[in-house]
Protein backbone atom coordinates (compact mmCIF):
# COMPACT_ATOMS: atom_id res chain seq x y z
CA MET A 1 0.00 0.00 0.00
CA GLN A 2 1.43 3.34 -1.10
CA LEU A 3 0.35 6.67 0.36
CA THR A 4 -0.01 8.13 -3.11
CA ASP A 5 -2.57 5.46 -4.00
CA TYR A 6 -4.90 6.96 -1.40
CA VAL A 7 -3.87 10.60 -0.96
CA HIS A 8 -2.96 13.33 -3.45
CA THR A 9 0.36 14.26 -1.87
CA PHE A 10 2.40 17.40 -2.41
CA GLY A 11 5.47 15.35 -3.25
CA HIS A 12 3.65 13.54 -6.03
CA TRP A 13 2.09 16.80 -7.26
CA LEU A 14 5.58 18.33 -7.52
CA LEU A 15 6.94 15.24 -9.27
CA GLU A 16 4.22 15.40 -11.91
CA ARG A 17 4.60 19.16 -12.33
CA HIS A 18 8.41 19.29 -12.54
CA GLY A 19 9.28 15.85 -13.83
CA GLU A 20 11.53 15.00 -10.91
CA ARG A 21 11.55 14.99 -7.13
CA VAL A 22 11.49 18.35 -5.37
CA HIS A 23 12.40 18.70 -1.68
CA LYS A 24 11.79 21.47 0.80
CA ILE A 25 14.69 23.04 2.66
CA ALA A 26 13.34 24.31 6.00
CA LEU A 27 14.66 27.73 7.00
CA ASN A 28 14.68 29.93 10.07
CA ALA A 29 15.04 33.54 8.96
CA GLY A 30 14.92 34.94 12.50
CA PHE A 31 11.35 36.23 12.38
CA THR A 32 9.20 36.65 15.45
CA CYS A 33 5.39 36.70 15.77
CA PRO A 34 2.91 39.52 16.52
CA ASN A 35 1.38 37.19 19.09
CA ARG A 36 4.71 37.16 20.96
CA ASP A 37 6.21 40.60 20.56
CA GLY A 38 3.24 42.47 22.06
CA SER A 39 1.76 43.68 18.78
CA LYS A 40 -1.16 41.27 19.12
CA GLY A 41 -0.27 39.55 22.39
CA ILE A 42 2.48 37.93 24.39
CA GLY A 43 3.32 34.31 25.01
CA GLY A 44 2.11 33.11 21.62
CA CYS A 45 -0.38 30.32 21.04
CA THR A 46 -0.90 28.04 23.99
CA PHE A 47 0.46 25.03 22.08
CA CYS A 48 3.42 26.72 20.39
CA ASN A 49 7.07 26.06 21.06
CA ASN A 50 8.64 26.80 17.70
CA ALA A 51 11.64 24.61 18.51
CA SER A 52 9.35 21.59 18.19
CA PHE A 53 9.36 21.90 14.40
CA ASN A 54 12.10 24.45 13.70
CA PRO A 55 15.39 23.29 12.13
CA SER A 56 17.24 24.27 15.31
CA ALA A 57 20.66 23.16 14.13
CA ARG A 58 20.56 25.95 11.54
CA ALA A 59 18.50 28.39 13.58
CA ALA A 60 21.12 31.13 13.97
CA ALA A 61 22.87 30.71 10.62
CA PRO A 62 22.53 33.06 7.65
CA ILE A 63 20.11 31.96 4.94
CA ALA A 64 22.95 31.04 2.59
CA ALA A 65 24.52 28.71 5.15
CA GLN A 66 21.15 27.14 5.93
CA MET A 67 20.56 26.50 2.24
CA VAL A 68 23.94 24.80 1.84
CA SER A 69 23.40 22.68 4.95
CA GLY A 70 19.89 21.75 3.88
CA ARG A 71 20.99 20.71 0.40
CA GLN A 72 23.78 18.59 1.82
CA GLY A 73 21.37 16.84 4.18
CA ILE A 74 18.88 16.11 1.42
CA GLY A 75 21.69 15.01 -0.89
CA ARG A 76 22.77 12.36 1.60
CA ARG A 77 19.27 10.88 1.63
CA THR A 78 18.07 11.33 -1.96
CA ARG A 79 19.23 12.30 -5.42
CA ALA A 80 16.94 15.32 -5.60
CA ARG A 81 18.27 18.25 -7.62
CA LYS A 82 15.38 20.68 -7.17
CA TYR A 83 14.29 22.42 -4.00
CA LEU A 84 11.75 24.76 -2.46
CA ALA A 85 13.05 27.23 0.09
CA TYR A 86 10.64 26.71 2.97
CA PHE A 87 10.46 29.71 5.30
CA GLN A 88 9.04 27.79 8.25
CA ALA A 89 9.88 29.21 11.67
CA TYR A 90 7.45 31.73 13.20
CA THR A 91 5.75 34.34 10.97
CA ASN A 92 7.64 34.60 7.68
CA THR A 93 5.87 37.63 6.28
CA TYR A 94 6.26 39.71 9.45
CA ALA A 95 8.72 42.34 8.23
CA GLU A 96 9.01 45.21 5.81
CA VAL A 97 8.54 44.06 2.25
CA THR A 98 12.07 45.19 1.32
CA GLU A 99 13.51 42.90 4.01
CA LEU A 100 11.29 40.04 2.91
CA LYS A 101 12.46 40.45 -0.68
CA ARG A 102 16.09 40.41 0.44
CA LEU A 103 15.62 37.15 2.34
CA TYR A 104 13.52 35.46 -0.32
CA ASP A 105 15.94 36.52 -3.08
CA GLU A 106 18.88 35.15 -1.09
CA ALA A 107 17.22 31.74 -0.88
CA LEU A 108 16.12 31.72 -4.51
CA ALA A 109 19.64 32.51 -5.71
CA HIS A 110 20.89 29.00 -4.89
CA ASP A 111 21.29 26.38 -7.59
CA GLY A 112 18.33 24.08 -7.94
CA VAL A 113 15.90 26.27 -5.97
CA ILE A 114 12.72 26.56 -7.99
CA GLY A 115 10.55 28.52 -5.59
CA LEU A 116 9.29 29.36 -2.13
CA ALA A 117 6.95 28.01 0.50
CA VAL A 118 6.17 30.71 3.04
CA GLY A 119 4.54 29.90 6.37
CA THR A 120 2.70 32.69 8.14
CA ARG A 121 -0.38 33.86 10.03
CA PRO A 122 -3.53 35.02 8.22
CA ASP A 123 -3.28 38.45 9.85
CA CYS A 124 0.25 39.09 8.53
CA VAL A 125 -0.13 39.11 4.75
CA PRO A 126 -0.85 42.68 3.64
CA ALA A 127 -1.36 43.51 -0.02
CA GLU A 128 2.26 44.51 -0.63
CA VAL A 129 3.50 41.12 0.61
CA LEU A 130 1.01 39.27 -1.58
CA ASP A 131 2.08 41.42 -4.52
CA LEU A 132 5.70 40.41 -3.89
CA LEU A 133 4.81 36.72 -3.86
CA ALA A 134 2.70 37.17 -6.99
CA ASP A 135 5.71 38.77 -8.72
CA TYR A 136 7.76 35.64 -8.00
CA ARG A 137 4.97 33.54 -9.50
CA ASP A 138 4.94 35.76 -12.58
CA GLN A 139 8.69 35.16 -12.94
CA GLY A 140 8.06 31.41 -13.11
CA GLN A 141 8.89 30.54 -9.50
CA GLU A 142 6.87 27.92 -7.63
CA VAL A 143 5.25 29.79 -4.73
CA TRP A 144 3.00 28.50 -1.95
CA LEU A 145 1.56 30.56 0.88
CA GLU A 146 0.97 28.44 3.99
CA LEU A 147 -1.65 29.92 6.31
CA GLY A 148 -1.99 28.66 9.86
CA LEU A 149 -5.71 28.66 10.58
CA GLN A 150 -5.80 25.60 12.91
CA SER A 151 -9.57 25.82 13.57
CA ALA A 152 -12.54 27.60 12.02
CA PHE A 153 -14.18 28.02 15.45
CA GLU A 154 -13.83 31.47 17.00
CA GLU A 155 -14.12 30.07 20.53
CA THR A 156 -11.25 27.68 19.89
CA LEU A 157 -9.06 30.37 18.35
CA ALA A 158 -9.64 32.54 21.42
CA ARG A 159 -9.01 29.60 23.78
CA VAL A 160 -5.62 28.83 22.27
CA ASN A 161 -4.69 32.54 22.08
CA ARG A 162 -4.30 32.70 18.31
CA GLY A 163 -4.79 36.47 18.24
CA HIS A 164 -6.91 36.42 15.09
CA GLY A 165 -10.29 35.14 13.97
CA LEU A 166 -11.69 33.36 10.95
CA ASP A 167 -12.29 36.61 9.06
CA ALA A 168 -8.53 37.25 8.86
CA TYR A 169 -8.06 33.86 7.23
CA VAL A 170 -10.92 34.41 4.77
CA GLN A 171 -9.49 37.74 3.66
CA ALA A 172 -5.90 36.49 3.36
CA CYS A 173 -6.85 33.30 1.54
CA ARG A 174 -9.09 34.99 -0.99
CA SER A 175 -6.64 37.85 -1.58
CA ALA A 176 -3.80 35.41 -2.23
CA ARG A 177 -5.76 33.18 -4.58
CA ARG A 178 -7.05 36.18 -6.54
CA ARG A 179 -3.40 36.94 -7.31
CA GLY A 180 -2.76 33.37 -8.43
CA ILE A 181 -0.89 32.39 -5.27
CA PRO A 182 -1.86 28.89 -4.14
CA VAL A 183 -2.72 28.54 -0.45
CA CYS A 184 -1.98 25.62 1.85
CA THR A 185 -4.15 25.70 4.97
CA HIS A 186 -2.97 24.26 8.28
CA LEU A 187 -5.55 22.55 10.50
CA ILE A 188 -4.92 21.03 13.92
CA VAL A 189 -6.94 18.02 15.07
CA GLY A 190 -7.51 17.57 18.79
CA LEU A 191 -7.49 21.17 19.97
CA PRO A 192 -8.78 21.72 23.53
CA GLY A 193 -12.54 21.49 23.66
CA GLU A 194 -12.95 20.20 20.12
CA THR A 195 -14.29 16.85 18.93
CA SER A 196 -14.18 15.09 15.58
CA CYS A 197 -17.24 17.12 14.66
CA HIS A 198 -15.26 20.35 14.89
CA ALA A 199 -12.46 18.99 12.73
CA ARG A 200 -15.00 18.06 10.08
CA ALA A 201 -16.70 21.43 10.28
CA SER A 202 -13.37 23.27 9.99
CA LEU A 203 -12.54 21.28 6.87
CA ASP A 204 -15.92 22.03 5.31
CA ILE A 205 -15.55 25.74 6.01
CA VAL A 206 -12.03 25.83 4.55
CA LEU A 207 -13.18 23.98 1.44
CA ASP A 208 -16.14 26.33 1.08
CA ILE A 209 -13.81 29.34 1.23
CA GLY A 210 -11.41 27.68 -1.20
CA THR A 211 -7.92 26.29 -0.69
CA ASP A 212 -5.33 24.58 -2.85
CA GLY A 213 -3.58 22.49 -0.20
CA LEU A 214 -3.95 21.19 3.33
CA LYS A 215 -1.73 20.22 6.24
CA LEU A 216 -3.17 18.16 9.06
CA HIS A 217 -1.48 18.13 12.44
CA PRO A 218 -2.42 16.17 15.56
CA LEU A 219 -2.11 18.46 18.56
CA HIS A 220 0.84 17.41 20.67
CA VAL A 221 1.98 18.75 24.02
CA VAL A 222 5.54 20.08 24.03
CA LYS A 223 7.70 21.58 26.73
CA GLY A 224 7.71 25.32 27.27
CA THR A 225 4.05 25.91 26.40
CA GLN A 226 0.91 26.89 28.25
CA LEU A 227 -0.67 23.71 26.96
CA ALA A 228 2.00 21.72 28.81
CA ASN A 229 0.87 23.27 32.08
CA THR A 230 -2.76 22.52 31.26
CA TRP A 231 -1.84 18.91 30.46
CA ARG A 232 0.14 18.51 33.70
CA ARG A 233 -2.91 19.65 35.67
CA GLY A 234 -4.97 16.97 33.94
CA GLU A 235 -7.08 19.56 32.14
CA TYR A 236 -6.24 18.44 28.62
CA THR A 237 -6.41 14.89 27.23
CA PRO A 238 -4.55 14.36 23.93
CA LEU A 239 -6.09 12.29 21.18
CA ALA A 240 -5.37 8.58 21.06
CA LEU A 241 -3.68 7.37 17.89
CA ALA A 242 -6.76 5.40 16.80
CA ASP A 243 -8.93 8.50 17.12
CA TYR A 244 -6.55 10.65 15.11
CA VAL A 245 -6.27 8.02 12.39
CA ALA A 246 -10.06 7.77 12.09
CA ILE A 247 -10.52 11.56 11.96
CA ALA A 248 -7.72 12.02 9.43
CA ALA A 249 -9.21 9.31 7.22
CA ASP A 250 -12.62 11.01 7.43
CA LEU A 251 -11.14 14.37 6.41
CA ILE A 252 -9.15 12.86 3.55
CA GLU A 253 -12.23 11.07 2.20
CA HIS A 254 -14.14 14.35 2.12
CA THR A 255 -11.37 16.40 0.50
CA PRO A 256 -11.62 16.76 -3.29
CA TRP A 257 -8.74 15.07 -5.10
CA GLU A 258 -7.53 18.32 -6.65
CA VAL A 259 -6.69 19.70 -3.18
CA VAL A 260 -3.10 18.68 -2.41
CA TYR A 261 -2.16 17.25 0.98
CA HIS A 262 1.19 18.67 2.03
CA ARG A 263 1.07 16.70 5.29
CA ILE A 264 -1.31 14.28 6.99
CA THR A 265 0.41 14.17 10.38
CA GLY A 266 3.02 16.04 12.37
CA THR A 267 5.71 15.15 14.88
CA ALA A 268 7.81 16.74 17.60
CA PRO A 269 11.33 15.82 18.74
CA ALA A 270 11.47 13.36 21.63
CA ARG A 271 13.49 15.88 23.67
CA LEU A 272 10.53 18.28 23.63
CA LEU A 273 7.48 16.03 23.32
CA LEU A 274 5.43 15.38 26.47
CA ALA A 275 2.32 13.75 24.98
CA PRO A 276 1.03 11.81 23.17
CA GLU A 277 4.04 9.54 22.69
CA TRP A 278 2.90 8.44 19.22
CA CYS A 279 3.56 11.97 17.90
CA SER A 280 7.31 11.28 18.06
CA ARG A 281 7.22 9.18 14.88
CA LYS A 282 5.80 10.08 11.48
CA TRP A 283 5.65 6.91 9.41
CA PRO A 284 3.75 4.64 11.82
CA VAL A 285 0.98 7.27 11.83
CA VAL A 286 1.05 7.71 8.04
CA ASN A 287 0.96 3.95 7.57
CA ALA A 288 -1.95 3.63 9.99
CA ILE A 289 -3.95 6.23 8.03
CA VAL A 290 -3.20 4.43 4.76
CA ALA A 291 -4.23 1.11 6.33
CA GLU A 292 -7.48 2.67 7.56
CA LEU A 293 -8.31 4.04 4.11
CA ALA A 294 -7.50 0.65 2.60
CA ARG A 295 -9.70 -1.09 5.17
CA ARG A 296 -12.58 1.18 4.21
CA GLY A 297 -11.94 0.66 0.49
CA SER A 298 -11.60 4.43 0.31
CA ARG A 299 -9.29 7.22 -0.77
CA GLN A 300 -9.13 11.01 -0.95
CA GLY A 301 -12.19 12.61 -2.49
CA ILE A 302 -14.42 9.56 -2.51
CA LYS A 303 -16.98 11.34 -0.33
CA SER A 304 -16.22 14.93 -1.27
CA ARG A 305 -19.64 15.52 -2.81
CA MET A 306 -21.52 14.66 0.39
CA GLY A 307 -23.16 17.44 2.35
CA ARG A 308 -22.37 18.13 5.97
CA GLY A 309 -25.37 16.35 7.36
CA GLU A 310 -24.77 13.36 5.09
CA TRP A 311 -21.46 12.45 6.66
CA GLY A 312 -22.80 12.29 10.16
CA MET A 313 -21.75 15.74 11.29
CA GLY A 314 -24.83 17.89 11.44
CA ALA A 315 -24.44 21.08 13.48
CA CYS A 316 -21.49 21.02 15.90
CA THR A 317 -22.11 22.15 19.42
CA GLN A 318 -19.90 24.89 20.77
CA PRO A 319 -16.46 23.55 21.73
CA GLN A 320 -16.41 21.78 25.07
CA THR A 321 -14.39 22.92 28.07
CA ALA A 322 -10.68 22.18 27.94
CA GLY A 323 -10.86 19.40 30.50
CA THR A 324 -13.56 17.39 28.77
CA PRO A 325 -12.18 14.15 27.30
CA HIS A 326 -12.64 13.48 23.61
CA PRO A 327 -15.39 10.97 22.89
CA PRO A 328 -14.40 7.83 21.01
CA VAL A 329 -14.52 8.20 17.26
CA GLN A 330 -16.59 5.79 15.22
CA PRO A 331 -14.97 4.98 11.85
């Protein structure tokens, strides 16, 4: 069983588009976040410790050095000759447009780099930044804007201290796509107070608004976060692996095939991860999702034409309190 038999993956999409494998080089350009520096708030999102996904070994290095190191690492594992410069850590559009252009240009100048993937918040993509990204697209660069929405529920966004609401995402997503910039939307499954119903509703809302790609993440508890304190007090119960697998399979089934999955799970380093333990390894989770889709005789998009009520969702209740355990998920 191959993942690409069941899910329209970003890697396969790039392979078909460019005729060879394309790999991302994750970068830390030294940005911060308006939810940390006092512009929108302090402390950041309750679940966020950027070190849990940031390429920390290259964190303080100049972009050029990070690109060289990233290419060498990929070269040891694969024969890939094409790359996307992935501006990953924190909010990668949170600077003056002249500074953004300098950093993006520095990454694009390296041999084999065919474009950019830029991760950011929906409230940090003003028109001049979108115009810059659109210019790169017009020059033939591959460009993806990755927007961290996480949930479409206002109560959840407030609970996890996101510092923005759904409207910011709607505006950013539509403004980007009007300029021809494809959007990859990040959604987190298992946020405090949410059930499988909320994950399904968030997906439906995102698909209604329009998106070109998706990243699914199971919420994991990492050191140095407010969520870690909540978990230690017994006020947050992470999803079990079986529940995440079932929810992810549901969401994949209801996602049209033309929407590209950039990720169907996420991990954190063992040195930082507190719970759940299964979030320390990627491939067992990916394989479990593939096995679940195979067991159902299903794949991405097979139920994408069903209405909300038809797939057993109906109207979600308001998110539960943070300490309420997640109900078991019925496949």
